[in-house]
Amino acid sequence: MSPTLYTISPFAALFLYAVYRLVVLPRFNPLLNLPGPPVPKWFGHHLRHVLDPTVSPKVHEILVKRYGHSIRIRGLGPWDERFLTLDPVSLTHIMKDTTIYEKPWQSRTLITSLIGCGMLSAEGQVHKRQRRVALPAFSGQNMRSLVDIAFKKGMQLTDAWVAMLPAGTDSVELNVGQWMSRATFDIMGLAGFEYNFNSIQDETNELFLAYKDMFEVAISQGTPFRTLLSIYLPSVNKLFADDTVRTVDRCQEVIRRVAGRLIQEKKQKIAEGEKSGDLYEGKDLLTLLLKSNTATDLRPEHRISDDDILNNINTFMFAGSDTSSLSMTWTLLLLAQNPHIQDRLRAELLSIAPEPPRTLSDLSEDELQSLHAALSNLPLLHNVTRECLRLIPPLHSTLRVATQDDEVPTMYPVHNRDGSVNENNRSVLVPKGTFIHVSFEGFNLDKDVWGDDAWDFNPDRWDNLPEAAQHYSWHFSNILTFSAGSRACPGLRFALFEMKTLYYILLTNFVFKETAAKITKHNVVLTRPYLAGKFKDGTQCPLLVSRFIRPQ
C-alpha cells in the first residue's frame, strides 16, 4: 500500500467521523419529531429571535400558537437542535433534577472566567457544598441586621441628588441606571464583606472600579464572536489578548489582592475572638459565610476553600448588585411612564412615614426596623415590585443541558412535526447532550396565563390573579424571575428588602419623568437599558428627576 494512503487515512477517518457526528447522527435526533420554525439556511439559527427582549415576547407567542408549548429550535448549527419549553410541568421537572440537567459547560466556562467557580457556575457536589455553607447567611434574622445599611446608603443617594438640584431648579436629567448601580455596589460592599466602596460620593475606589469594569466592560461590551472564541479556544485569549481580556485580567488581579486580603482579615478577627472569648459579631455575609464554613456541625468534607469563599463573594457582588440595580432602574422607568401609579405608590409610602416629619438619620435602629417591617406589609409597594420583576426579569433566560437521555413530562399535549396534535402524548424524549432553553420572560409574559394585558405594566393584577397564574409555584410569587428548584436565588430576601427600602427613600423625595430619549432593552447576560442607536456607549437610562416637596 502506498505510504501516502497511510498518511491520508487518519485525516479521512477524522473527516468521516465529523460528517457522522455533524450530519448523519442529527438526522436521527428524537427532537426532530417536535415541530419548530423553519431554518432557511444550513447555518441558520433561531437564537437571536428567542433571546432578544425587543422581539422575544411576540416570538414566544407565535411559536406557542403554531407549535404548542414544546418546541424545537435551531442553535449554532444543523447538528444543534434544541428544546425550548414553555410548559410549566416540563420546567418543574428540568429545574428540579440537577443531576440530569446541568448548566452547559460553555456557560460555566464563561462565568468562571470572570468571577470564578461560585454558586452560579458550580455543579454537583461542589454546588451543594457551597450552597450548604452559604444559605445560613441569608436567613431572615441575618437579613434584618443589614436593614440600616440600605437606609443609610439610600439617604446618601438622596443627598447626592439633592446637591445636583440647586434651589430654583425644576429638574435634572440623571442616568438613574448608573446611580442605582453605585448604590447597590455600596450596599453589597458593606452587607457582603463590611467594605465601603463609597461609590455614591466618589467612583475612584480601586475594588469598586475592578468590579464595575468587570461587569460593564467585559460583559456588556464584549463581542459575541470573541466570547465564543474564548469559550471554545481559551488559548486565544493568552496568545491574542484584546482590550476586554486585558481588562478582565487587571480586574481579577485587583479583586484577588484586595478581596483576598479582606477574607484573611476576617478569618483573623474570628480566630482572635474565639481565642479571647470575645466573639467577633460581624453581620456581613463574608463573616457569616466563614463562620458557617467552620461550624462544628459541618463535616470537614463539606467545607469549602478560601478560593471558593472568594468566588462566592464575587458571585454575591455580581448577582446581588447588578440584578438589583437593573430591577430598580426598570422600575423607576416604568413608574416614570405611568405617573398615576407613581403618585399612588408615593401616597402609600408617605402613609407610613415617621410623624412628625423627620429625616431617616434621626431615627433609632428600632425605628428603622419598625419602618422596614411596615414597608414589607404595604400592598401596592409589593405589587409594584412584583409586577416590575415579572415584566422585565433581569435574567431573560437560562440554559440547561441533558447529561443523559430523559423523558420530560408535559402539561400540554405535544404537537407532532406535521402540525397534528396527539392529546395522549404528554412527554418529550430529550436525548443526552440536548440544550434546553428556559425562558423566564416567556413564562412571566404568557398571555394564556396572565391575561391579554400580560405585556402591560399593571400592578393591580396582583389583587386578582388569573387562576392559571395562581398555579405557578416558583421560588417567588408566581413568577420565574428568581429561578426555581435547588438553583433558585438564595438572596431573595436581601434583594426584596434592598429594593423596597430604596423605592421608599427615592419616591418620598423625588419625582421621576421620562426624557425624550428612546430607551431599548438588550439581553447582555442580563436585560439592560441602552439608548437607541448608542449601544457602544454602555447601559443608560436617563430620567428627569425633580424634588418632591412633602405637604406640611
Protein backbone atom coordinates (compact mmCIF):
# COMPACT_ATOMS: atom_id res chain seq x y z
CA MET A 1 0.00 0.00 0.00
CA SER A 2 1.21 3.47 -0.85
CA PRO A 3 2.77 5.44 2.05
CA THR A 4 0.56 8.33 1.01
CA LEU A 5 -2.56 6.33 1.91
CA TYR A 6 -1.19 5.70 5.40
CA THR A 7 -0.76 9.49 5.74
CA ILE A 8 -4.25 10.31 4.48
CA SER A 9 -6.18 7.59 6.34
CA PRO A 10 -6.23 9.26 9.80
CA PHE A 11 -7.46 12.50 8.27
CA ALA A 12 -10.05 10.64 6.24
CA ALA A 13 -11.22 8.83 9.37
CA LEU A 14 -11.45 12.13 11.23
CA PHE A 15 -13.39 13.66 8.35
CA LEU A 16 -15.82 10.73 8.20
CA TYR A 17 -16.34 10.88 11.97
CA ALA A 18 -17.07 14.60 11.77
CA VAL A 19 -19.58 14.01 8.95
CA TYR A 20 -21.24 11.27 11.01
CA ARG A 21 -21.47 13.44 14.15
CA LEU A 22 -22.48 16.67 12.45
CA VAL A 23 -24.59 15.47 9.51
CA VAL A 24 -25.73 11.85 9.85
CA LEU A 25 -26.38 11.47 13.60
CA PRO A 26 -28.52 14.64 13.91
CA ARG A 27 -30.95 13.15 11.38
CA PHE A 28 -31.88 10.51 13.99
CA ASN A 29 -32.36 13.03 16.80
CA PRO A 30 -35.73 12.37 18.56
CA LEU A 31 -36.22 16.14 18.81
CA LEU A 32 -36.85 16.15 15.06
CA ASN A 33 -40.28 14.71 15.91
CA LEU A 34 -41.12 18.03 17.55
CA PRO A 35 -42.44 20.92 15.48
CA GLY A 36 -40.47 24.13 15.18
CA PRO A 37 -39.88 27.15 12.97
CA PRO A 38 -38.12 26.58 9.63
CA VAL A 39 -34.45 27.38 9.12
CA PRO A 40 -33.88 28.90 5.67
CA LYS A 41 -30.09 28.44 5.72
CA TRP A 42 -27.91 25.45 6.57
CA PHE A 43 -26.17 27.51 9.27
CA GLY A 44 -29.28 29.49 10.16
CA HIS A 45 -30.50 29.62 13.75
CA HIS A 46 -33.28 30.99 15.98
CA LEU A 47 -31.20 32.26 18.88
CA ARG A 48 -31.50 35.96 18.16
CA HIS A 49 -35.29 35.77 17.98
CA VAL A 50 -35.77 33.88 21.26
CA LEU A 51 -33.10 35.81 23.19
CA ASP A 52 -33.72 39.40 22.06
CA PRO A 53 -36.12 41.03 24.59
CA THR A 54 -37.29 43.55 21.98
CA VAL A 55 -38.93 40.74 19.96
CA SER A 56 -38.93 37.62 22.16
CA PRO A 57 -42.41 38.16 23.73
CA LYS A 58 -44.00 38.20 20.27
CA VAL A 59 -41.78 35.34 19.08
CA HIS A 60 -42.79 33.15 22.04
CA GLU A 61 -46.46 33.94 21.44
CA ILE A 62 -46.23 32.99 17.75
CA LEU A 63 -44.29 29.80 18.50
CA VAL A 64 -46.82 28.59 21.07
CA LYS A 65 -49.78 29.28 18.76
CA ARG A 66 -48.15 27.43 15.86
CA TYR A 67 -46.24 24.63 17.56
CA GLY A 68 -47.52 24.23 21.12
CA HIS A 69 -45.54 24.61 24.36
CA SER A 70 -42.81 22.10 23.48
CA ILE A 71 -40.81 23.49 20.55
CA ARG A 72 -37.71 22.55 18.60
CA ILE A 73 -35.39 25.43 17.73
CA ARG A 74 -32.03 25.55 15.94
CA GLY A 75 -28.86 26.51 17.77
CA LEU A 76 -25.44 27.25 16.31
CA GLY A 77 -25.52 24.69 13.50
CA PRO A 78 -27.56 21.92 11.86
CA TRP A 79 -26.28 19.49 14.49
CA ASP A 80 -27.56 21.73 17.31
CA GLU A 81 -31.29 21.02 17.69
CA ARG A 82 -32.55 22.49 20.97
CA PHE A 83 -35.62 22.12 23.16
CA LEU A 84 -37.50 25.30 24.03
CA THR A 85 -40.08 24.58 26.72
CA LEU A 86 -42.86 26.94 27.73
CA ASP A 87 -44.64 24.16 29.61
CA PRO A 88 -44.73 24.53 33.43
CA VAL A 89 -44.68 20.78 34.13
CA SER A 90 -41.63 20.33 31.90
CA LEU A 91 -39.91 23.29 33.51
CA THR A 92 -40.50 21.96 37.03
CA HIS A 93 -39.05 18.60 36.01
CA ILE A 94 -35.97 20.16 34.41
CA MET A 95 -35.19 22.68 37.16
CA LYS A 96 -35.75 20.16 39.94
CA ASP A 97 -33.48 17.39 38.66
CA THR A 98 -29.98 18.89 38.77
CA THR A 99 -28.32 15.50 38.33
CA ILE A 100 -29.70 15.18 34.81
CA TYR A 101 -29.97 18.86 33.87
CA GLU A 102 -26.88 20.97 34.40
CA LYS A 103 -25.74 24.35 33.18
CA PRO A 104 -23.82 23.76 29.94
CA TRP A 105 -20.05 23.72 30.28
CA GLN A 106 -19.93 26.66 27.88
CA SER A 107 -21.97 28.84 30.25
CA ARG A 108 -19.98 27.68 33.26
CA THR A 109 -16.69 28.37 31.47
CA LEU A 110 -17.75 31.93 30.68
CA ILE A 111 -18.94 32.66 34.23
CA THR A 112 -15.90 31.04 35.83
CA SER A 113 -13.53 33.01 33.59
CA LEU A 114 -14.98 36.22 35.04
CA ILE A 115 -15.99 35.63 38.68
CA GLY A 116 -14.63 32.19 39.49
CA CYS A 117 -16.46 28.95 40.23
CA GLY A 118 -19.09 30.13 42.71
CA MET A 119 -22.71 29.08 43.05
CA LEU A 120 -23.61 30.49 39.64
CA SER A 121 -21.29 28.10 37.81
CA ALA A 122 -20.59 25.20 40.19
CA GLU A 123 -22.36 21.89 39.63
CA GLY A 124 -22.88 18.64 41.52
CA GLN A 125 -21.29 18.20 44.94
CA VAL A 126 -19.29 21.45 44.62
CA HIS A 127 -22.52 23.43 44.23
CA LYS A 128 -24.18 21.55 47.10
CA ARG A 129 -21.24 22.27 49.43
CA GLN A 130 -21.18 25.95 48.52
CA ARG A 131 -24.95 26.36 48.89
CA ARG A 132 -25.00 24.47 52.21
CA VAL A 133 -22.39 26.83 53.63
CA ALA A 134 -23.98 29.98 52.16
CA LEU A 135 -27.67 29.51 52.98
CA PRO A 136 -27.43 30.26 56.75
CA ALA A 137 -26.02 33.70 55.88
CA PHE A 138 -29.28 34.52 54.06
CA SER A 139 -31.63 33.76 56.95
CA GLY A 140 -34.35 36.27 57.74
CA GLN A 141 -32.71 37.21 61.05
CA ASN A 142 -29.37 37.96 59.37
CA MET A 143 -31.07 40.00 56.66
CA ARG A 144 -32.82 42.17 59.26
CA SER A 145 -29.43 43.04 60.74
CA LEU A 146 -28.49 44.67 57.42
CA VAL A 147 -31.55 46.94 57.19
CA ASP A 148 -29.74 50.07 58.39
CA ILE A 149 -27.16 49.70 55.59
CA ALA A 150 -29.81 50.06 52.88
CA PHE A 151 -31.38 53.04 54.66
CA LYS A 152 -28.06 54.83 55.13
CA LYS A 153 -26.98 54.34 51.54
CA GLY A 154 -30.40 55.43 50.33
CA MET A 155 -30.01 58.65 52.32
CA GLN A 156 -26.54 59.21 50.84
CA LEU A 157 -28.01 58.77 47.36
CA THR A 158 -30.72 61.32 48.21
CA ASP A 159 -28.12 63.83 49.43
CA ALA A 160 -26.09 63.38 46.24
CA TRP A 161 -29.15 64.03 44.05
CA VAL A 162 -30.31 66.99 46.13
CA ALA A 163 -26.87 68.55 45.69
CA MET A 164 -27.42 68.33 41.93
CA LEU A 165 -30.76 70.17 42.25
CA PRO A 166 -29.95 73.71 43.37
CA ALA A 167 -32.78 75.90 44.64
CA GLY A 168 -34.99 77.02 41.79
CA THR A 169 -34.05 74.07 39.56
CA ASP A 170 -37.15 72.26 38.31
CA SER A 171 -35.44 69.01 37.40
CA VAL A 172 -32.17 67.44 36.35
CA GLU A 173 -31.56 64.64 33.88
CA LEU A 174 -29.82 61.73 35.58
CA ASN A 175 -28.68 58.37 34.31
CA VAL A 176 -30.55 56.51 37.04
CA GLY A 177 -29.10 53.19 35.92
CA GLN A 178 -25.57 54.36 36.76
CA TRP A 179 -26.69 55.79 40.12
CA MET A 180 -28.61 52.65 41.09
CA SER A 181 -25.52 50.61 40.24
CA ARG A 182 -23.39 52.78 42.52
CA ALA A 183 -25.93 52.47 45.35
CA THR A 184 -26.23 48.69 45.11
CA PHE A 185 -22.45 48.31 44.92
CA ASP A 186 -22.15 50.30 48.14
CA ILE A 187 -24.86 48.26 49.84
CA MET A 188 -23.35 44.95 48.71
CA GLY A 189 -19.87 46.06 49.75
CA LEU A 190 -21.00 46.71 53.33
CA ALA A 191 -23.51 43.88 53.53
CA GLY A 192 -21.24 41.46 51.67
CA PHE A 193 -17.93 41.96 53.45
CA GLU A 194 -18.11 45.15 55.54
CA TYR A 195 -16.23 47.14 52.92
CA ASN A 196 -17.26 50.67 52.00
CA PHE A 197 -16.80 51.36 48.29
CA ASN A 198 -18.18 54.85 48.93
CA SER A 199 -19.03 54.97 45.22
CA ILE A 200 -22.09 57.20 45.66
CA GLN A 201 -19.72 60.02 46.64
CA ASP A 202 -16.68 59.02 44.62
CA GLU A 203 -16.14 56.47 41.85
CA THR A 204 -12.42 56.08 42.40
CA ASN A 205 -12.22 53.11 44.78
CA GLU A 206 -9.87 50.51 43.31
CA LEU A 207 -12.03 47.49 44.16
CA PHE A 208 -15.24 49.22 43.01
CA LEU A 209 -13.67 50.07 39.65
CA ALA A 210 -12.46 46.48 39.27
CA TYR A 211 -15.95 45.09 39.79
CA LYS A 212 -17.55 47.83 37.69
CA ASP A 213 -15.22 47.29 34.75
CA MET A 214 -15.62 43.54 35.06
CA PHE A 215 -19.39 43.74 34.76
CA GLU A 216 -19.73 46.68 32.39
CA VAL A 217 -16.75 46.45 30.03
CA ALA A 218 -16.07 42.73 29.99
CA ILE A 219 -19.70 41.57 29.95
CA SER A 220 -21.70 44.38 28.37
CA GLN A 221 -19.17 45.43 25.76
CA GLY A 222 -17.74 42.06 24.73
CA THR A 223 -18.40 40.86 21.15
CA PRO A 224 -20.32 37.57 20.60
CA PHE A 225 -17.66 36.19 18.25
CA ARG A 226 -14.81 36.86 20.67
CA THR A 227 -16.86 35.41 23.54
CA LEU A 228 -17.47 32.17 21.63
CA LEU A 229 -13.82 32.02 20.64
CA SER A 230 -12.69 32.42 24.26
CA ILE A 231 -15.03 29.59 25.34
CA TYR A 232 -14.07 27.04 22.70
CA LEU A 233 -10.44 28.12 22.21
CA PRO A 234 -9.36 29.71 25.52
CA SER A 235 -5.72 29.77 24.43
CA VAL A 236 -6.68 32.56 22.00
CA ASN A 237 -7.05 34.94 24.96
CA LYS A 238 -3.49 34.25 26.05
CA LEU A 239 -1.97 34.42 22.60
CA PHE A 240 -4.02 37.35 21.23
CA ALA A 241 -5.26 39.33 24.20
CA ASP A 242 -7.58 42.21 23.29
CA ASP A 243 -8.76 45.14 25.45
CA THR A 244 -11.53 43.04 27.03
CA VAL A 245 -9.12 40.27 28.03
CA ARG A 246 -6.66 42.78 29.47
CA THR A 247 -9.49 44.44 31.39
CA VAL A 248 -10.58 41.12 32.90
CA ASP A 249 -7.00 40.20 33.87
CA ARG A 250 -6.45 43.59 35.50
CA CYS A 251 -9.75 43.46 37.39
CA GLN A 252 -9.18 39.91 38.60
CA GLU A 253 -5.74 40.83 39.93
CA VAL A 254 -7.25 43.68 41.97
CA ILE A 255 -10.11 41.51 43.26
CA ARG A 256 -7.80 38.66 44.28
CA ARG A 257 -5.48 41.07 46.05
CA VAL A 258 -7.97 43.32 47.85
CA ALA A 259 -10.87 40.93 48.45
CA GLY A 260 -8.40 38.13 49.27
CA ARG A 261 -6.89 40.36 51.95
CA LEU A 262 -10.35 41.07 53.39
CA ILE A 263 -11.03 37.35 53.70
CA GLN A 264 -7.80 36.79 55.62
CA GLU A 265 -8.52 39.77 57.90
CA LYS A 266 -11.99 38.41 58.66
CA LYS A 267 -10.62 34.96 59.41
CA GLN A 268 -8.10 36.51 61.80
CA LYS A 269 -10.79 38.51 63.62
CA ILE A 270 -12.94 35.40 64.03
CA ALA A 271 -9.97 33.34 65.29
CA GLU A 272 -8.88 36.06 67.75
CA GLY A 273 -12.44 36.35 69.06
CA GLU A 274 -12.65 32.61 69.65
CA LYS A 275 -9.30 32.63 71.43
CA SER A 276 -10.16 35.57 73.70
CA GLY A 277 -13.75 34.54 74.35
CA ASP A 278 -14.97 37.87 72.97
CA LEU A 279 -16.58 36.52 69.82
CA TYR A 280 -16.46 38.63 66.67
CA GLU A 281 -20.04 39.61 65.84
CA GLY A 282 -19.75 40.84 62.26
CA LYS A 283 -23.08 40.65 60.40
CA ASP A 284 -21.75 40.87 56.86
CA LEU A 285 -22.18 37.90 54.52
CA LEU A 286 -18.45 37.15 54.43
CA THR A 287 -18.26 36.79 58.22
CA LEU A 288 -21.41 34.64 58.27
CA LEU A 289 -20.04 32.55 55.42
CA LEU A 290 -16.72 31.99 57.21
CA LYS A 291 -18.48 31.10 60.46
CA SER A 292 -20.84 28.73 58.69
CA ASN A 293 -17.87 27.10 56.99
CA THR A 294 -16.19 26.36 60.34
CA ALA A 295 -19.32 25.36 62.26
CA THR A 296 -18.78 22.30 64.44
CA ASP A 297 -21.80 20.52 62.98
CA LEU A 298 -20.39 20.82 59.43
CA ARG A 299 -18.36 17.77 58.42
CA PRO A 300 -14.84 18.54 57.11
CA GLU A 301 -15.58 17.18 53.65
CA HIS A 302 -18.49 19.64 53.33
CA ARG A 303 -16.34 22.70 53.95
CA ILE A 304 -15.17 24.96 51.15
CA SER A 305 -11.78 26.52 50.40
CA ASP A 306 -10.70 30.16 50.60
CA ASP A 307 -10.84 30.24 46.80
CA ASP A 308 -14.47 29.09 46.96
CA ILE A 309 -15.18 31.79 49.53
CA LEU A 310 -13.69 34.45 47.22
CA ASN A 311 -15.56 33.08 44.21
CA ASN A 312 -18.85 33.29 46.08
CA ILE A 313 -18.15 36.82 47.28
CA ASN A 314 -17.62 37.69 43.60
CA THR A 315 -20.89 35.90 42.84
CA PHE A 316 -22.72 37.90 45.53
CA MET A 317 -21.30 41.13 44.11
CA PHE A 318 -22.44 40.26 40.58
CA ALA A 319 -25.81 38.66 41.40
CA GLY A 320 -26.56 41.00 44.30
CA SER A 321 -25.62 44.32 42.76
CA ASP A 322 -26.11 44.02 39.00
CA THR A 323 -29.50 42.29 39.09
CA SER A 324 -30.92 44.53 41.84
CA SER A 325 -29.71 47.76 40.25
CA LEU A 326 -31.23 46.75 36.92
CA SER A 327 -34.54 45.80 38.55
CA MET A 328 -34.74 49.17 40.28
CA THR A 329 -33.72 51.01 37.12
CA TRP A 330 -36.50 49.37 35.11
CA THR A 331 -38.95 50.06 37.94
CA LEU A 332 -38.15 53.78 38.01
CA LEU A 333 -38.54 53.91 34.22
CA LEU A 334 -41.92 52.14 34.39
CA LEU A 335 -43.09 54.49 37.13
CA ALA A 336 -41.96 57.47 35.05
CA GLN A 337 -44.00 56.08 32.15
CA ASN A 338 -47.01 55.57 34.44
CA PRO A 339 -47.19 58.71 36.61
CA HIS A 340 -50.62 57.84 38.07
CA ILE A 341 -49.17 54.65 39.57
CA GLN A 342 -46.12 56.58 40.76
CA ASP A 343 -48.43 59.03 42.57
CA ARG A 344 -50.46 56.22 44.16
CA LEU A 345 -47.32 54.46 45.34
CA ARG A 346 -45.83 57.65 46.76
CA ALA A 347 -49.04 58.28 48.72
CA GLU A 348 -48.89 54.78 50.17
CA LEU A 349 -45.24 55.19 51.14
CA LEU A 350 -45.92 58.55 52.79
CA SER A 351 -48.67 56.92 54.85
CA ILE A 352 -46.05 55.12 56.94
CA ALA A 353 -43.50 57.95 57.04
CA PRO A 354 -42.49 58.95 60.59
CA GLU A 355 -44.66 61.61 62.21
CA PRO A 356 -43.96 64.42 62.72
CA PRO A 357 -41.82 64.55 59.53
CA ARG A 358 -38.26 63.58 60.40
CA THR A 359 -35.24 62.65 58.34
CA LEU A 360 -34.27 58.99 58.38
CA SER A 361 -30.96 59.91 60.00
CA ASP A 362 -32.94 60.98 63.08
CA LEU A 363 -34.46 57.52 63.54
CA SER A 364 -33.12 54.98 66.00
CA GLU A 365 -32.23 51.44 64.93
CA ASP A 366 -35.52 50.16 66.42
CA GLU A 367 -37.46 52.80 64.48
CA LEU A 368 -35.71 51.81 61.24
CA GLN A 369 -36.59 48.17 61.89
CA SER A 370 -40.20 49.21 62.51
CA LEU A 371 -40.24 51.23 59.27
CA HIS A 372 -38.78 48.28 57.38
CA ALA A 373 -41.47 45.98 58.80
CA ALA A 374 -44.13 48.46 57.70
CA LEU A 375 -42.63 48.59 54.21
CA SER A 376 -42.83 44.81 53.97
CA ASN A 377 -46.59 44.97 54.52
CA LEU A 378 -47.51 47.68 52.01
CA PRO A 379 -49.73 46.05 49.35
CA LEU A 380 -49.16 48.44 46.44
CA LEU A 381 -45.39 48.53 47.03
CA HIS A 382 -45.34 44.73 46.96
CA ASN A 383 -47.50 44.68 43.83
CA VAL A 384 -45.30 47.23 42.01
CA THR A 385 -42.16 45.31 42.99
CA ARG A 386 -43.60 42.00 41.78
CA GLU A 387 -45.01 43.49 38.59
CA CYS A 388 -41.69 45.03 37.56
CA LEU A 389 -39.85 41.79 38.29
CA ARG A 390 -42.46 39.91 36.24
CA LEU A 391 -42.49 42.28 33.28
CA ILE A 392 -38.70 42.74 32.90
CA PRO A 393 -36.83 39.93 34.68
CA PRO A 394 -33.13 40.89 34.89
CA LEU A 395 -32.17 37.39 33.73
CA HIS A 396 -34.10 36.94 30.49
CA SER A 397 -33.49 33.20 30.19
CA THR A 398 -31.10 30.42 31.04
CA LEU A 399 -29.81 27.16 29.58
CA ARG A 400 -29.64 23.59 30.78
CA VAL A 401 -28.10 20.55 29.11
CA ALA A 402 -29.25 16.96 29.47
CA THR A 403 -26.48 14.71 30.81
CA GLN A 404 -28.43 11.58 29.82
CA ASP A 405 -31.48 10.61 27.80
CA ASP A 406 -34.65 11.61 29.60
CA GLU A 407 -38.40 11.62 29.08
CA VAL A 408 -39.74 15.03 30.09
CA PRO A 409 -43.41 15.18 31.17
CA THR A 410 -45.65 17.96 29.84
CA MET A 411 -48.90 19.57 30.92
CA TYR A 412 -49.99 20.44 27.39
CA PRO A 413 -50.34 17.91 24.56
CA VAL A 414 -47.23 17.69 22.41
CA HIS A 415 -47.67 18.64 18.76
CA ASN A 416 -46.34 16.40 16.04
CA ARG A 417 -43.97 17.74 13.41
CA ASP A 418 -46.74 17.75 10.80
CA GLY A 419 -48.82 20.07 12.99
CA SER A 420 -51.26 17.47 14.27
CA VAL A 421 -51.89 17.12 18.00
CA ASN A 422 -51.95 13.84 19.90
CA GLU A 423 -53.95 14.56 23.06
CA ASN A 424 -52.49 11.44 24.69
CA ASN A 425 -48.88 12.46 24.14
CA ARG A 426 -47.77 14.27 27.31
CA SER A 427 -44.00 13.84 27.23
CA VAL A 428 -40.92 14.74 25.17
CA LEU A 429 -37.92 12.46 24.68
CA VAL A 430 -34.81 14.58 25.24
CA PRO A 431 -31.54 12.91 24.16
CA LYS A 432 -28.28 13.30 26.04
CA GLY A 433 -26.42 16.49 25.15
CA THR A 434 -29.53 18.50 24.25
CA PHE A 435 -29.61 22.17 25.20
CA ILE A 436 -32.86 23.23 26.89
CA HIS A 437 -33.88 26.88 26.68
CA VAL A 438 -35.66 28.07 29.82
CA SER A 439 -37.20 31.47 29.18
CA PHE A 440 -38.02 33.24 32.46
CA GLU A 441 -39.51 36.07 30.40
CA GLY A 442 -41.57 33.60 28.36
CA PHE A 443 -43.33 32.21 31.44
CA ASN A 444 -43.70 35.65 33.04
CA LEU A 445 -45.37 37.11 29.93
CA ASP A 446 -47.54 34.19 28.79
CA LYS A 447 -50.92 35.70 27.86
CA ASP A 448 -52.64 32.35 28.32
CA VAL A 449 -51.59 32.53 31.97
CA TRP A 450 -51.53 36.24 32.84
CA GLY A 451 -54.27 37.52 30.53
CA ASP A 452 -54.38 39.65 27.41
CA ASP A 453 -52.60 42.51 29.22
CA ALA A 454 -49.64 40.32 30.18
CA TRP A 455 -47.20 42.63 28.40
CA ASP A 456 -48.55 45.72 30.16
CA PHE A 457 -47.41 47.26 33.44
CA ASN A 458 -50.40 46.63 35.70
CA PRO A 459 -49.54 46.24 39.41
CA ASP A 460 -53.24 45.87 40.26
CA ARG A 461 -53.30 42.46 38.54
CA TRP A 462 -51.84 41.02 41.73
CA ASP A 463 -55.02 41.78 43.66
CA ASN A 464 -56.93 39.35 41.46
CA LEU A 465 -54.56 36.95 39.73
CA PRO A 466 -55.90 34.70 36.98
CA GLU A 467 -56.38 31.15 38.17
CA ALA A 468 -53.69 29.84 35.81
CA ALA A 469 -51.08 32.19 37.32
CA GLN A 470 -52.01 31.09 40.84
CA HIS A 471 -50.92 27.56 39.96
CA TYR A 472 -47.36 28.70 39.22
CA SER A 473 -45.46 27.82 42.39
CA TRP A 474 -41.98 29.08 41.59
CA HIS A 475 -39.41 30.43 44.03
CA PHE A 476 -41.12 33.81 44.39
CA SER A 477 -44.73 34.91 43.97
CA ASN A 478 -45.86 33.00 40.85
CA ILE A 479 -43.01 34.37 38.69
CA LEU A 480 -39.77 32.82 37.48
CA THR A 481 -37.57 35.89 37.97
CA PHE A 482 -35.65 34.33 40.86
CA SER A 483 -35.48 30.95 39.08
CA ALA A 484 -36.76 27.70 40.56
CA GLY A 485 -35.56 24.45 42.07
CA SER A 486 -32.34 23.96 44.01
CA ARG A 487 -30.56 26.68 41.99
CA ALA A 488 -33.13 29.35 42.89
CA CYS A 489 -31.69 32.65 44.11
CA PRO A 490 -30.64 32.36 47.80
CA GLY A 491 -30.53 36.15 48.15
CA LEU A 492 -34.26 36.68 47.55
CA ARG A 493 -34.93 38.25 50.97
CA PHE A 494 -31.95 40.56 50.67
CA ALA A 495 -32.96 41.73 47.18
CA LEU A 496 -36.55 42.48 48.20
CA PHE A 497 -35.71 44.49 51.32
CA GLU A 498 -32.99 46.38 49.44
CA MET A 499 -35.31 47.31 46.57
CA LYS A 500 -38.28 48.26 48.75
CA THR A 501 -36.09 50.39 51.01
CA LEU A 502 -34.64 52.36 48.11
CA TYR A 503 -38.08 52.76 46.49
CA TYR A 504 -39.33 54.26 49.75
CA ILE A 505 -36.45 56.71 50.08
CA LEU A 506 -36.38 57.80 46.43
CA LEU A 507 -40.12 58.12 45.83
CA THR A 508 -40.74 60.12 49.01
CA ASN A 509 -38.01 62.56 47.98
CA PHE A 510 -38.17 62.72 44.18
CA VAL A 511 -40.50 62.66 41.19
CA PHE A 512 -39.45 60.77 38.06
CA LYS A 513 -40.43 61.68 34.49
CA GLU A 514 -39.43 60.42 31.05
CA THR A 515 -36.98 62.26 28.82
CA ALA A 516 -37.23 62.45 25.03
CA ALA A 517 -34.65 59.66 24.72
CA LYS A 518 -35.75 56.27 23.41
CA ILE A 519 -34.62 53.51 25.76
CA THR A 520 -34.29 49.96 24.40
CA LYS A 521 -33.72 46.58 26.01
CA HIS A 522 -30.75 44.36 25.20
CA ASN A 523 -30.00 40.93 26.58
CA VAL A 524 -26.32 41.17 27.52
CA VAL A 525 -26.04 38.44 30.19
CA LEU A 526 -28.79 40.46 31.90
CA THR A 527 -31.53 42.64 30.37
CA ARG A 528 -30.01 46.12 30.30
CA PRO A 529 -31.25 49.55 29.15
CA TYR A 530 -29.49 51.35 26.30
CA LEU A 531 -30.20 54.47 24.30
CA ALA A 532 -31.44 53.59 20.82
CA GLY A 533 -28.53 53.56 18.39
CA LYS A 534 -25.94 54.08 21.14
CA PHE A 535 -25.20 50.54 22.30
CA LYS A 536 -21.44 51.12 22.37
CA ASP A 537 -21.93 53.93 24.91
CA GLY A 538 -22.90 51.34 27.53
CA THR A 539 -26.02 50.99 29.66
CA GLN A 540 -28.01 54.18 30.08
CA CYS A 541 -31.43 55.06 31.45
CA PRO A 542 -31.81 58.85 31.66
CA LEU A 543 -34.81 60.22 33.59
CA LEU A 544 -35.86 63.70 34.64
CA VAL A 545 -35.61 63.88 38.43
CA SER A 546 -37.17 66.67 40.49
CA ARG A 547 -37.65 67.26 44.22
CA PHE A 548 -40.86 66.10 45.84
CA ILE A 549 -41.90 68.62 48.46
CA ARG A 550 -43.91 66.89 51.12
CA PRO A 551 -47.08 68.81 52.07
CA GLN A 552 -46.92 70.24 55.57
